[in-house]
Amino acid sequence: MRRTFDFVLIIVVLTAVGFGAYKLGRLIDNKSNEAASESAGSTVTTTSTSVPRGHQSSKPSRRTIEITVVAVGGTAVVLLLFSLGGSAARARRRQRWRSP
């Protein structure tokens, strides 16, 4: 039961980190695109059609996907290192208590 709970907790943490990184990447992409369009519009007169907010690009950029993958992978590595460190510390404690 304990291992199942730990597994579910790890999945929840990785999902939360991935979702947060994805949303942050999308926000950064959108703000970057807005800033680029404003700076380009200040020097050149262009005619454009208005696009409803949120419908500019439904596809995430490659950078957003990379940020998400790195965040989830990094979190998984950190969880693995903590797990290995905890099991090594437990093994040392057992040896200490058993020795006379």
PDB file of N, CA and C in Angstrom:
ATOM      1  N   MET A   1       0.827  -1.197   0.000  1.00  0.00           N
ATOM      2  CA  MET A   1       0.000   0.000   0.000  1.00  0.00           C
ATOM      3  C   MET A   1       0.872   1.261   0.000  1.00  0.00           C
ATOM      4  N   ARG A   2       1.956   1.214   0.766  1.00  0.00           N
ATOM      5  CA  ARG A   2       2.834   2.374   0.866  1.00  0.00           C
ATOM      6  C   ARG A   2       3.521   2.660  -0.477  1.00  0.00           C
ATOM      7  N   ARG A   3       3.960   1.603  -1.161  1.00  0.00           N
ATOM      8  CA  ARG A   3       4.626   1.795  -2.452  1.00  0.00           C
ATOM      9  C   ARG A   3       3.655   2.338  -3.495  1.00  0.00           C
ATOM     10  N   THR A   4       2.418   1.900  -3.461  1.00  0.00           N
ATOM     11  CA  THR A   4       1.413   2.413  -4.399  1.00  0.00           C
ATOM     12  C   THR A   4       1.183   3.894  -4.163  1.00  0.00           C
ATOM     13  N   PHE A   5       1.068   4.278  -2.904  1.00  0.00           N
ATOM     14  CA  PHE A   5       0.875   5.689  -2.572  1.00  0.00           C
ATOM     15  C   PHE A   5       2.077   6.519  -3.022  1.00  0.00           C
ATOM     16  N   ASP A   6       3.293   6.020  -2.792  1.00  0.00           N
ATOM     17  CA  ASP A   6       4.498   6.731  -3.221  1.00  0.00           C
ATOM     18  C   ASP A   6       4.533   6.885  -4.736  1.00  0.00           C
ATOM     19  N   PHE A   7       4.164   5.828  -5.446  1.00  0.00           N
ATOM     20  CA  PHE A   7       4.148   5.880  -6.906  1.00  0.00           C
ATOM     21  C   PHE A   7       3.140   6.917  -7.396  1.00  0.00           C
ATOM     22  N   VAL A   8       1.961   6.939  -6.830  1.00  0.00           N
ATOM     23  CA  VAL A   8       0.933   7.917  -7.219  1.00  0.00           C
ATOM     24  C   VAL A   8       1.407   9.327  -6.890  1.00  0.00           C
ATOM     25  N   LEU A   9       2.049   9.490  -5.742  1.00  0.00           N
ATOM     26  CA  LEU A   9       2.561  10.806  -5.360  1.00  0.00           C
ATOM     27  C   LEU A   9       3.639  11.287  -6.329  1.00  0.00           C
ATOM     28  N   ILE A  10       4.518  10.392  -6.758  1.00  0.00           N
ATOM     29  CA  ILE A  10       5.546  10.763  -7.733  1.00  0.00           C
ATOM     30  C   ILE A  10       4.912  11.174  -9.056  1.00  0.00           C
ATOM     31  N   ILE A  11       3.916  10.432  -9.501  1.00  0.00           N
ATOM     32  CA  ILE A  11       3.233  10.767 -10.755  1.00  0.00           C
ATOM     33  C   ILE A  11       2.555  12.139 -10.646  1.00  0.00           C
ATOM     34  N   VAL A  12       1.939  12.416  -9.506  1.00  0.00           N
ATOM     35  CA  VAL A  12       1.278  13.710  -9.310  1.00  0.00           C
ATOM     36  C   VAL A  12       2.300  14.842  -9.339  1.00  0.00           C
ATOM     37  N   VAL A  13       3.434  14.656  -8.667  1.00  0.00           N
ATOM     38  CA  VAL A  13       4.464  15.697  -8.646  1.00  0.00           C
ATOM     39  C   VAL A  13       5.018  15.936 -10.053  1.00  0.00           C
ATOM     40  N   LEU A  14       5.322  14.871 -10.773  1.00  0.00           N
ATOM     41  CA  LEU A  14       5.851  15.032 -12.131  1.00  0.00           C
ATOM     42  C   LEU A  14       4.830  15.685 -13.058  1.00  0.00           C
ATOM     43  N   THR A  15       3.573  15.339 -12.903  1.00  0.00           N
ATOM     44  CA  THR A  15       2.525  15.954 -13.715  1.00  0.00           C
ATOM     45  C   THR A  15       2.396  17.439 -13.404  1.00  0.00           C
ATOM     46  N   ALA A  16       2.428  17.783 -12.121  1.00  0.00           N
ATOM     47  CA  ALA A  16       2.319  19.192 -11.729  1.00  0.00           C
ATOM     48  C   ALA A  16       3.498  20.005 -12.255  1.00  0.00           C
ATOM     49  N   VAL A  17       4.696  19.460 -12.157  1.00  0.00           N
ATOM     50  CA  VAL A  17       5.879  20.162 -12.656  1.00  0.00           C
ATOM     51  C   VAL A  17       5.789  20.329 -14.173  1.00  0.00           C
ATOM     52  N   GLY A  18       5.391  19.277 -14.868  1.00  0.00           N
ATOM     53  CA  GLY A  18       5.262  19.359 -16.324  1.00  0.00           C
ATOM     54  C   GLY A  18       4.216  20.369 -16.758  1.00  0.00           C
ATOM     55  N   PHE A  19       3.067  20.350 -16.090  1.00  0.00           N
ATOM     56  CA  PHE A  19       1.999  21.297 -16.432  1.00  0.00           C
ATOM     57  C   PHE A  19       2.440  22.733 -16.151  1.00  0.00           C
ATOM     58  N   GLY A  20       3.114  22.945 -15.017  1.00  0.00           N
ATOM     59  CA  GLY A  20       3.596  24.282 -14.682  1.00  0.00           C
ATOM     60  C   GLY A  20       4.626  24.781 -15.677  1.00  0.00           C
ATOM     61  N   ALA A  21       5.549  23.910 -16.059  1.00  0.00           N
ATOM     62  CA  ALA A  21       6.561  24.304 -17.041  1.00  0.00           C
ATOM     63  C   ALA A  21       5.925  24.594 -18.390  1.00  0.00           C
ATOM     64  N   TYR A  22       4.930  23.799 -18.772  1.00  0.00           N
ATOM     65  CA  TYR A  22       4.235  24.017 -20.042  1.00  0.00           C
ATOM     66  C   TYR A  22       3.513  25.366 -20.039  1.00  0.00           C
ATOM     67  N   LYS A  23       2.783  25.646 -18.964  1.00  0.00           N
ATOM     68  CA  LYS A  23       2.049  26.918 -18.895  1.00  0.00           C
ATOM     69  C   LYS A  23       3.007  28.100 -18.855  1.00  0.00           C
ATOM     70  N   LEU A  24       4.101  27.973 -18.124  1.00  0.00           N
ATOM     71  CA  LEU A  24       5.089  29.046 -18.067  1.00  0.00           C
ATOM     72  C   LEU A  24       5.716  29.268 -19.440  1.00  0.00           C
ATOM     73  N   GLY A  25       6.033  28.192 -20.138  1.00  0.00           N
ATOM     74  CA  GLY A  25       6.594  28.319 -21.477  1.00  0.00           C
ATOM     75  C   GLY A  25       5.630  28.983 -22.441  1.00  0.00           C
ATOM     76  N   ARG A  26       4.356  28.609 -22.362  1.00  0.00           N
ATOM     77  CA  ARG A  26       3.350  29.242 -23.228  1.00  0.00           C
ATOM     78  C   ARG A  26       3.224  30.730 -22.931  1.00  0.00           C
ATOM     79  N   LEU A  27       3.243  31.082 -21.638  1.00  0.00           N
ATOM     80  CA  LEU A  27       3.147  32.488 -21.256  1.00  0.00           C
ATOM     81  C   LEU A  27       4.350  33.271 -21.781  1.00  0.00           C
ATOM     82  N   ILE A  28       5.527  32.694 -21.646  1.00  0.00           N
ATOM     83  CA  ILE A  28       6.736  33.359 -22.139  1.00  0.00           C
ATOM     84  C   ILE A  28       6.682  33.512 -23.655  1.00  0.00           C
ATOM     85  N   ASP A  29       6.232  32.470 -24.353  1.00  0.00           N
ATOM     86  CA  ASP A  29       6.100  32.564 -25.815  1.00  0.00           C
ATOM     87  C   ASP A  29       5.134  33.667 -26.208  1.00  0.00           C
ATOM     88  N   ASN A  30       3.983  33.717 -25.557  1.00  0.00           N
ATOM     89  CA  ASN A  30       2.974  34.721 -25.902  1.00  0.00           C
ATOM     90  C   ASN A  30       3.486  36.138 -25.632  1.00  0.00           C
ATOM     91  N   LYS A  31       4.114  36.337 -24.473  1.00  0.00           N
ATOM     92  CA  LYS A  31       4.632  37.672 -24.145  1.00  0.00           C
ATOM     93  C   LYS A  31       5.750  38.067 -25.107  1.00  0.00           C
ATOM     94  N   SER A  32       6.585  37.116 -25.468  1.00  0.00           N
ATOM     95  CA  SER A  32       7.659  37.400 -26.417  1.00  0.00           C
ATOM     96  C   SER A  32       7.092  37.785 -27.775  1.00  0.00           C
ATOM     97  N   ASN A  33       6.072  37.064 -28.213  1.00  0.00           N
ATOM     98  CA  ASN A  33       5.447  37.383 -29.500  1.00  0.00           C
ATOM     99  C   ASN A  33       4.763  38.739 -29.466  1.00  0.00           C
ATOM    100  N   GLU A  34       4.117  39.056 -28.338  1.00  0.00           N
ATOM    101  CA  GLU A  34       3.470  40.365 -28.216  1.00  0.00           C
ATOM    102  C   GLU A  34       4.501  41.489 -28.259  1.00  0.00           C
ATOM    103  N   ALA A  35       5.596  41.302 -27.528  1.00  0.00           N
ATOM    104  CA  ALA A  35       6.643  42.328 -27.509  1.00  0.00           C
ATOM    105  C   ALA A  35       7.272  42.490 -28.888  1.00  0.00           C
ATOM    106  N   ALA A  36       7.468  41.397 -29.591  1.00  0.00           N
ATOM    107  CA  ALA A  36       8.053  41.471 -30.928  1.00  0.00           C
ATOM    108  C   ALA A  36       7.109  42.188 -31.887  1.00  0.00           C
ATOM    109  N   SER A  37       5.821  41.910 -31.777  1.00  0.00           N
ATOM    110  CA  SER A  37       4.882  42.575 -32.690  1.00  0.00           C
ATOM    111  C   SER A  37       4.762  44.056 -32.369  1.00  0.00           C
ATOM    112  N   GLU A  38       4.866  44.420 -31.092  1.00  0.00           N
ATOM    113  CA  GLU A  38       4.796  45.839 -30.733  1.00  0.00           C
ATOM    114  C   GLU A  38       6.038  46.590 -31.188  1.00  0.00           C
ATOM    115  N   SER A  39       7.208  45.981 -31.032  1.00  0.00           N
ATOM    116  CA  SER A  39       8.430  46.672 -31.439  1.00  0.00           C
ATOM    117  C   SER A  39       8.519  46.759 -32.959  1.00  0.00           C
ATOM    118  N   ALA A  40       8.061  45.738 -33.660  1.00  0.00           N
ATOM    119  CA  ALA A  40       8.076  45.784 -35.123  1.00  0.00           C
ATOM    120  C   ALA A  40       7.042  46.789 -35.624  1.00  0.00           C
ATOM    121  N   GLY A  41       5.944  46.916 -34.935  1.00  0.00           N
ATOM    122  CA  GLY A  41       4.897  47.836 -35.353  1.00  0.00           C
ATOM    123  C   GLY A  41       5.262  49.283 -35.133  1.00  0.00           C
ATOM    124  N   SER A  42       6.222  49.563 -34.281  1.00  0.00           N
ATOM    125  CA  SER A  42       6.587  50.952 -34.013  1.00  0.00           C
ATOM    126  C   SER A  42       7.435  51.545 -35.127  1.00  0.00           C
ATOM    127  N   THR A  43       8.092  50.708 -35.908  1.00  0.00           N
ATOM    128  CA  THR A  43       8.944  51.233 -36.974  1.00  0.00           C
ATOM    129  C   THR A  43       8.325  51.085 -38.359  1.00  0.00           C
ATOM    130  N   VAL A  44       7.440  50.109 -38.526  1.00  0.00           N
ATOM    131  CA  VAL A  44       6.860  49.847 -39.836  1.00  0.00           C
ATOM    132  C   VAL A  44       5.343  49.902 -39.715  1.00  0.00           C
ATOM    133  N   THR A  45       4.720  50.580 -40.647  1.00  0.00           N
ATOM    134  CA  THR A  45       3.261  50.632 -40.656  1.00  0.00           C
ATOM    135  C   THR A  45       2.741  49.409 -41.401  1.00  0.00           C
ATOM    136  N   THR A  46       1.941  48.611 -40.725  1.00  0.00           N
ATOM    137  CA  THR A  46       1.394  47.407 -41.341  1.00  0.00           C
ATOM    138  C   THR A  46      -0.097  47.352 -41.090  1.00  0.00           C
ATOM    139  N   THR A  47      -0.767  46.579 -41.908  1.00  0.00           N
ATOM    140  CA  THR A  47      -2.183  46.331 -41.727  1.00  0.00           C
ATOM    141  C   THR A  47      -2.341  44.883 -41.300  1.00  0.00           C
ATOM    142  N   SER A  48      -3.068  44.670 -40.224  1.00  0.00           N
ATOM    143  CA  SER A  48      -3.249  43.298 -39.760  1.00  0.00           C
ATOM    144  C   SER A  48      -4.697  43.091 -39.346  1.00  0.00           C
ATOM    145  N   THR A  49      -5.106  41.851 -39.379  1.00  0.00           N
ATOM    146  CA  THR A  49      -6.442  41.519 -38.902  1.00  0.00           C
ATOM    147  C   THR A  49      -6.329  41.135 -37.441  1.00  0.00           C
ATOM    148  N   SER A  50      -7.358  41.449 -36.689  1.00  0.00           N
ATOM    149  CA  SER A  50      -7.305  41.115 -35.264  1.00  0.00           C
ATOM    150  C   SER A  50      -7.691  39.655 -35.060  1.00  0.00           C
ATOM    151  N   VAL A  51      -6.943  39.004 -34.210  1.00  0.00           N
ATOM    152  CA  VAL A  51      -7.184  37.617 -33.874  1.00  0.00           C
ATOM    153  C   VAL A  51      -7.638  37.567 -32.434  1.00  0.00           C
ATOM    154  N   PRO A  52      -8.735  36.854 -32.150  1.00  0.00           N
ATOM    155  CA  PRO A  52      -9.193  36.794 -30.762  1.00  0.00           C
ATOM    156  C   PRO A  52      -8.092  36.276 -29.840  1.00  0.00           C
ATOM    157  N   ARG A  53      -8.058  36.822 -28.632  1.00  0.00           N
ATOM    158  CA  ARG A  53      -7.028  36.432 -27.660  1.00  0.00           C
ATOM    159  C   ARG A  53      -7.131  34.942 -27.367  1.00  0.00           C
ATOM    160  N   GLY A  54      -5.985  34.285 -27.337  1.00  0.00           N
ATOM    161  CA  GLY A  54      -5.943  32.861 -27.061  1.00  0.00           C
ATOM    162  C   GLY A  54      -6.001  32.003 -28.312  1.00  0.00           C
ATOM    163  N   HIS A  55      -6.255  32.633 -29.463  1.00  0.00           N
ATOM    164  CA  HIS A  55      -6.347  31.880 -30.715  1.00  0.00           C
ATOM    165  C   HIS A  55      -5.175  32.167 -31.645  1.00  0.00           C
ATOM    166  N   GLN A  56      -4.134  32.784 -31.110  1.00  0.00           N
ATOM    167  CA  GLN A  56      -3.016  33.150 -31.953  1.00  0.00           C
ATOM    168  C   GLN A  56      -2.267  31.921 -32.446  1.00  0.00           C
ATOM    169  N   SER A  57      -1.949  31.027 -31.533  1.00  0.00           N
ATOM    170  CA  SER A  57      -1.218  29.830 -31.909  1.00  0.00           C
ATOM    171  C   SER A  57      -1.571  28.730 -30.922  1.00  0.00           C
ATOM    172  N   SER A  58      -2.270  27.714 -31.407  1.00  0.00           N
ATOM    173  CA  SER A  58      -2.666  26.641 -30.507  1.00  0.00           C
ATOM    174  C   SER A  58      -1.550  25.620 -30.343  1.00  0.00           C
ATOM    175  N   LYS A  59      -0.530  25.711 -31.169  1.00  0.00           N
ATOM    176  CA  LYS A  59       0.571  24.761 -31.125  1.00  0.00           C
ATOM    177  C   LYS A  59       1.710  25.345 -30.283  1.00  0.00           C
ATOM    178  N   PRO A  60       2.189  24.592 -29.280  1.00  0.00           N
ATOM    179  CA  PRO A  60       3.294  25.123 -28.468  1.00  0.00           C
ATOM    180  C   PRO A  60       4.591  25.149 -29.273  1.00  0.00           C
ATOM    181  N   SER A  61       5.444  26.091 -28.921  1.00  0.00           N
ATOM    182  CA  SER A  61       6.708  26.184 -29.640  1.00  0.00           C
ATOM    183  C   SER A  61       7.643  25.061 -29.195  1.00  0.00           C
ATOM    184  N   ARG A  62       8.685  24.878 -29.954  1.00  0.00           N
ATOM    185  CA  ARG A  62       9.661  23.835 -29.631  1.00  0.00           C
ATOM    186  C   ARG A  62      10.333  24.133 -28.290  1.00  0.00           C
ATOM    187  N   ARG A  63      10.582  25.401 -28.026  1.00  0.00           N
ATOM    188  CA  ARG A  63      11.213  25.800 -26.766  1.00  0.00           C
ATOM    189  C   ARG A  63      10.325  25.439 -25.574  1.00  0.00           C
ATOM    190  N   THR A  64       9.019  25.621 -25.694  1.00  0.00           N
ATOM    191  CA  THR A  64       8.103  25.261 -24.616  1.00  0.00           C
ATOM    192  C   THR A  64       8.160  23.770 -24.347  1.00  0.00           C
ATOM    193  N   ILE A  65       8.203  22.984 -25.387  1.00  0.00           N
ATOM    194  CA  ILE A  65       8.284  21.529 -25.219  1.00  0.00           C
ATOM    195  C   ILE A  65       9.604  21.150 -24.564  1.00  0.00           C
ATOM    196  N   GLU A  66      10.696  21.793 -24.971  1.00  0.00           N
ATOM    197  CA  GLU A  66      12.002  21.504 -24.371  1.00  0.00           C
ATOM    198  C   GLU A  66      12.026  21.865 -22.895  1.00  0.00           C
ATOM    199  N   ILE A  67      11.462  23.009 -22.538  1.00  0.00           N
ATOM    200  CA  ILE A  67      11.407  23.422 -21.135  1.00  0.00           C
ATOM    201  C   ILE A  67      10.619  22.409 -20.318  1.00  0.00           C
ATOM    202  N   THR A  68       9.506  21.946 -20.850  1.00  0.00           N
ATOM    203  CA  THR A  68       8.678  20.979 -20.139  1.00  0.00           C
ATOM    204  C   THR A  68       9.422  19.661 -19.945  1.00  0.00           C
ATOM    205  N   VAL A  69      10.077  19.175 -20.979  1.00  0.00           N
ATOM    206  CA  VAL A  69      10.805  17.904 -20.877  1.00  0.00           C
ATOM    207  C   VAL A  69      11.951  18.020 -19.875  1.00  0.00           C
ATOM    208  N   VAL A  70      12.678  19.116 -19.910  1.00  0.00           N
ATOM    209  CA  VAL A  70      13.790  19.308 -18.973  1.00  0.00           C
ATOM    210  C   VAL A  70      13.275  19.410 -17.541  1.00  0.00           C
ATOM    211  N   ALA A  71      12.165  20.097 -17.332  1.00  0.00           N
ATOM    212  CA  ALA A  71      11.616  20.233 -15.979  1.00  0.00           C
ATOM    213  C   ALA A  71      11.166  18.885 -15.422  1.00  0.00           C
ATOM    214  N   VAL A  72      10.459  18.113 -16.226  1.00  0.00           N
ATOM    215  CA  VAL A  72       9.989  16.796 -15.762  1.00  0.00           C
ATOM    216  C   VAL A  72      11.174  15.856 -15.558  1.00  0.00           C
ATOM    217  N   GLY A  73      12.115  15.840 -16.481  1.00  0.00           N
ATOM    218  CA  GLY A  73      13.299  14.986 -16.338  1.00  0.00           C
ATOM    219  C   GLY A  73      14.136  15.376 -15.139  1.00  0.00           C
ATOM    220  N   GLY A  74      14.338  16.654 -14.932  1.00  0.00           N
ATOM    221  CA  GLY A  74      15.108  17.119 -13.779  1.00  0.00           C
ATOM    222  C   GLY A  74      14.446  16.756 -12.467  1.00  0.00           C
ATOM    223  N   THR A  75      13.134  16.891 -12.411  1.00  0.00           N
ATOM    224  CA  THR A  75      12.411  16.515 -11.196  1.00  0.00           C
ATOM    225  C   THR A  75      12.515  15.019 -10.940  1.00  0.00           C
ATOM    226  N   ALA A  76      12.421  14.220 -11.989  1.00  0.00           N
ATOM    227  CA  ALA A  76      12.552  12.768 -11.830  1.00  0.00           C
ATOM    228  C   ALA A  76      13.941  12.400 -11.318  1.00  0.00           C
ATOM    229  N   VAL A  77      14.976  13.067 -11.825  1.00  0.00           N
ATOM    230  CA  VAL A  77      16.339  12.796 -11.373  1.00  0.00           C
ATOM    231  C   VAL A  77      16.504  13.185  -9.903  1.00  0.00           C
ATOM    232  N   VAL A  78      15.969  14.331  -9.514  1.00  0.00           N
ATOM    233  CA  VAL A  78      16.063  14.759  -8.115  1.00  0.00           C
ATOM    234  C   VAL A  78      15.345  13.775  -7.199  1.00  0.00           C
ATOM    235  N   LEU A  79      14.146  13.332  -7.596  1.00  0.00           N
ATOM    236  CA  LEU A  79      13.422  12.343  -6.786  1.00  0.00           C
ATOM    237  C   LEU A  79      14.211  11.042  -6.684  1.00  0.00           C
ATOM    238  N   LEU A  80      14.838  10.616  -7.765  1.00  0.00           N
ATOM    239  CA  LEU A  80      15.641   9.394  -7.746  1.00  0.00           C
ATOM    240  C   LEU A  80      16.848   9.542  -6.820  1.00  0.00           C
ATOM    241  N   LEU A  81      17.516  10.700  -6.878  1.00  0.00           N
ATOM    242  CA  LEU A  81      18.668  10.926  -6.007  1.00  0.00           C
ATOM    243  C   LEU A  81      18.266  10.941  -4.535  1.00  0.00           C
ATOM    244  N   PHE A  82      17.145  11.559  -4.208  1.00  0.00           N
ATOM    245  CA  PHE A  82      16.663  11.551  -2.827  1.00  0.00           C
ATOM    246  C   PHE A  82      16.323  10.136  -2.382  1.00  0.00           C
ATOM    247  N   SER A  83      15.739   9.370  -3.265  1.00  0.00           N
ATOM    248  CA  SER A  83      15.394   7.989  -2.930  1.00  0.00           C
ATOM    249  C   SER A  83      16.642   7.161  -2.666  1.00  0.00           C
ATOM    250  N   LEU A  84      17.641   7.288  -3.539  1.00  0.00           N
ATOM    251  CA  LEU A  84      18.889   6.551  -3.347  1.00  0.00           C
ATOM    252  C   LEU A  84      19.619   7.000  -2.088  1.00  0.00           C
ATOM    253  N   GLY A  85      19.618   8.285  -1.833  1.00  0.00           N
ATOM    254  CA  GLY A  85      20.255   8.803  -0.622  1.00  0.00           C
ATOM    255  C   GLY A  85      19.564   8.320   0.644  1.00  0.00           C
ATOM    256  N   GLY A  86      18.237   8.290   0.612  1.00  0.00           N
ATOM    257  CA  GLY A  86      17.487   7.799   1.769  1.00  0.00           C
ATOM    258  C   GLY A  86      17.725   6.327   2.030  1.00  0.00           C
ATOM    259  N   SER A  87      17.787   5.528   0.978  1.00  0.00           N
ATOM    260  CA  SER A  87      18.022   4.094   1.171  1.00  0.00           C
ATOM    261  C   SER A  87      19.447   3.836   1.646  1.00  0.00           C
ATOM    262  N   ALA A  88      20.418   4.618   1.202  1.00  0.00           N
ATOM    263  CA  ALA A  88      21.799   4.467   1.666  1.00  0.00           C
ATOM    264  C   ALA A  88      21.911   4.855   3.139  1.00  0.00           C
ATOM    265  N   ALA A  89      21.213   5.912   3.536  1.00  0.00           N
ATOM    266  CA  ALA A  89      21.255   6.331   4.939  1.00  0.00           C
ATOM    267  C   ALA A  89      20.604   5.274   5.828  1.00  0.00           C
ATOM    268  N   ARG A  90      19.515   4.667   5.369  1.00  0.00           N
ATOM    269  CA  ARG A  90      18.855   3.606   6.146  1.00  0.00           C
ATOM    270  C   ARG A  90      19.763   2.394   6.301  1.00  0.00           C
ATOM    271  N   ALA A  91      20.499   2.059   5.245  1.00  0.00           N
ATOM    272  CA  ALA A  91      21.401   0.908   5.300  1.00  0.00           C
ATOM    273  C   ALA A  91      22.514   1.167   6.315  1.00  0.00           C
ATOM    274  N   ARG A  92      23.049   2.369   6.371  1.00  0.00           N
ATOM    275  CA  ARG A  92      24.095   2.697   7.338  1.00  0.00           C
ATOM    276  C   ARG A  92      23.563   2.666   8.760  1.00  0.00           C
ATOM    277  N   ARG A  93      22.334   3.135   8.974  1.00  0.00           N
ATOM    278  CA  ARG A  93      21.741   3.105  10.313  1.00  0.00           C
ATOM    279  C   ARG A  93      21.564   1.676  10.793  1.00  0.00           C
ATOM    280  N   ARG A  94      21.136   0.792   9.902  1.00  0.00           N
ATOM    281  CA  ARG A  94      20.955  -0.611  10.277  1.00  0.00           C
ATOM    282  C   ARG A  94      22.289  -1.227  10.679  1.00  0.00           C
ATOM    283  N   GLN A  95      23.327  -0.951   9.929  1.00  0.00           N
ATOM    284  CA  GLN A  95      24.638  -1.510  10.254  1.00  0.00           C
ATOM    285  C   GLN A  95      25.131  -0.992  11.597  1.00  0.00           C
ATOM    286  N   ARG A  96      24.904   0.249  11.904  1.00  0.00           N
ATOM    287  CA  ARG A  96      25.348   0.826  13.148  1.00  0.00           C
ATOM    288  C   ARG A  96      24.636   0.188  14.330  1.00  0.00           C
ATOM    289  N   TRP A  97      23.341  -0.034  14.223  1.00  0.00           N
ATOM    290  CA  TRP A  97      22.571  -0.609  15.333  1.00  0.00           C
ATOM    291  C   TRP A  97      22.895  -2.076  15.538  1.00  0.00           C
ATOM    292  N   ARG A  98      23.267  -2.795  14.508  1.00  0.00           N
ATOM    293  CA  ARG A  98      23.543  -4.218  14.637  1.00  0.00           C
ATOM    294  C   ARG A  98      24.944  -4.497  15.182  1.00  0.00           C
ATOM    295  N   SER A  99      25.858  -3.568  14.998  1.00  0.00           N
ATOM    296  CA  SER A  99      27.226  -3.838  15.464  1.00  0.00           C
ATOM    297  C   SER A  99      27.289  -3.686  16.985  1.00  0.00           C
ATOM    298  N   PRO A 100      28.037  -4.584  17.655  1.00  0.00           N
ATOM    299  CA  PRO A 100      28.097  -4.535  19.130  1.00  0.00           C
ATOM    300  C   PRO A 100      28.963  -3.428  19.668  1.00  0.00           C
TER     301      PRO A 100
END
